[in-house]
Amino acid sequence: MKDEELRAQINELIRDEIQEGINEYIDTQEESEKTGLGFVQNKDEKLKVNIPNKEVDKLIKQYKRIKKKQKSNLYQAKLLDQHGKPL
């Protein structure tokens, strides 16, 4: 895969995880408002998330390293003992 495709997939996964966290947070806020427990918060707050490109680059590098190992002959050859059982 190309770096651009990998970066797009990683960004999509990160957005999905962040959205899931936001949904859970909103659900807990709605529950606390119904029960009257919790603190009053400013409704006008906006959530900002910054994801460093260095971290995405690290993920891409790890992915490529794993894929390179999987393509190697040693990874594809399975080691067996004299009875045919994996080591």
Protein backbone atom coordinates (compact mmCIF):
# COMPACT_ATOMS: atom_id res chain seq x y z
CA MET A 1 0.00 0.00 0.00
CA LYS A 2 1.07 3.53 -0.58
CA ASP A 3 1.79 5.91 2.27
CA GLU A 4 -1.17 8.10 1.34
CA GLU A 5 -3.58 5.17 1.52
CA LEU A 6 -2.14 4.04 4.85
CA ARG A 7 -2.35 7.56 6.24
CA ALA A 8 -5.99 7.83 5.13
CA GLN A 9 -6.87 4.50 6.77
CA ILE A 10 -5.13 5.46 10.01
CA ASN A 11 -6.88 8.82 10.07
CA GLU A 12 -10.22 7.09 9.51
CA LEU A 13 -9.58 4.71 12.42
CA ILE A 14 -8.56 7.56 14.68
CA ARG A 15 -11.68 9.55 13.75
CA ASP A 16 -13.86 6.51 14.49
CA GLU A 17 -12.26 6.02 17.90
CA ILE A 18 -12.60 9.69 18.76
CA GLN A 19 -16.25 9.72 17.64
CA GLU A 20 -16.95 6.67 19.81
CA GLY A 21 -15.40 8.44 22.81
CA ILE A 22 -17.45 11.56 22.13
CA ASN A 23 -20.66 9.53 21.87
CA GLU A 24 -19.96 7.82 25.19
CA TYR A 25 -19.22 11.18 26.82
CA ILE A 26 -22.46 12.68 25.51
CA ASP A 27 -24.44 9.68 26.74
CA THR A 28 -23.00 10.00 30.24
CA GLN A 29 -23.67 13.75 30.23
CA GLU A 30 -27.30 13.18 29.25
CA GLU A 31 -27.70 10.57 31.99
CA SER A 32 -26.20 12.89 34.60
CA GLU A 33 -28.51 15.72 33.51
CA LYS A 34 -31.56 13.45 33.86
CA THR A 35 -30.62 12.40 37.37
CA GLY A 36 -29.50 15.87 38.39
CA LEU A 37 -26.03 14.69 39.39
CA GLY A 38 -22.78 16.14 38.16
CA PHE A 39 -21.41 19.55 37.46
CA VAL A 40 -22.89 22.19 35.23
CA GLN A 41 -20.65 22.71 32.23
CA ASN A 42 -20.53 25.30 29.54
CA LYS A 43 -22.58 24.03 26.57
CA ASP A 44 -20.65 26.21 24.13
CA GLU A 45 -17.37 24.30 24.56
CA LYS A 46 -15.87 22.79 21.42
CA LEU A 47 -13.75 19.69 21.40
CA LYS A 48 -10.44 20.01 19.60
CA VAL A 49 -8.18 17.06 18.91
CA ASN A 50 -4.70 17.30 17.46
CA ILE A 51 -3.01 14.15 16.20
CA PRO A 52 0.70 14.61 15.52
CA ASN A 53 1.90 13.45 12.11
CA LYS A 54 4.92 11.92 13.84
CA GLU A 55 2.65 9.38 15.56
CA VAL A 56 0.93 8.51 12.29
CA ASP A 57 4.35 8.11 10.66
CA LYS A 58 5.39 5.73 13.46
CA LEU A 59 2.28 3.62 12.85
CA ILE A 60 3.00 3.48 9.13
CA LYS A 61 6.60 2.46 9.78
CA GLN A 62 5.50 -0.34 12.16
CA TYR A 63 2.92 -1.54 9.63
CA LYS A 64 5.51 -1.68 6.86
CA ARG A 65 7.98 -3.51 9.11
CA ILE A 66 5.36 -6.15 9.96
CA LYS A 67 4.35 -6.61 6.31
CA LYS A 68 8.01 -6.93 5.29
CA LYS A 69 8.55 -9.68 7.88
CA GLN A 70 5.43 -11.50 6.70
CA LYS A 71 6.78 -11.55 3.14
CA SER A 72 10.14 -12.99 4.17
CA ASN A 73 10.99 -16.63 3.52
CA LEU A 74 11.67 -17.35 7.18
CA TYR A 75 8.21 -16.17 8.17
CA GLN A 76 6.57 -18.27 5.48
CA ALA A 77 8.54 -21.40 6.35
CA LYS A 78 7.04 -23.12 9.35
CA LEU A 79 9.48 -24.89 11.64
CA LEU A 80 8.49 -28.48 12.40
CA ASP A 81 10.07 -31.08 14.63
CA GLN A 82 10.81 -34.66 13.52
CA HIS A 83 7.19 -35.66 14.21
CA GLY A 84 5.70 -32.87 12.11
CA LYS A 85 4.57 -30.75 15.06
CA PRO A 86 5.22 -27.00 15.05
CA LEU A 87 8.09 -25.83 17.25
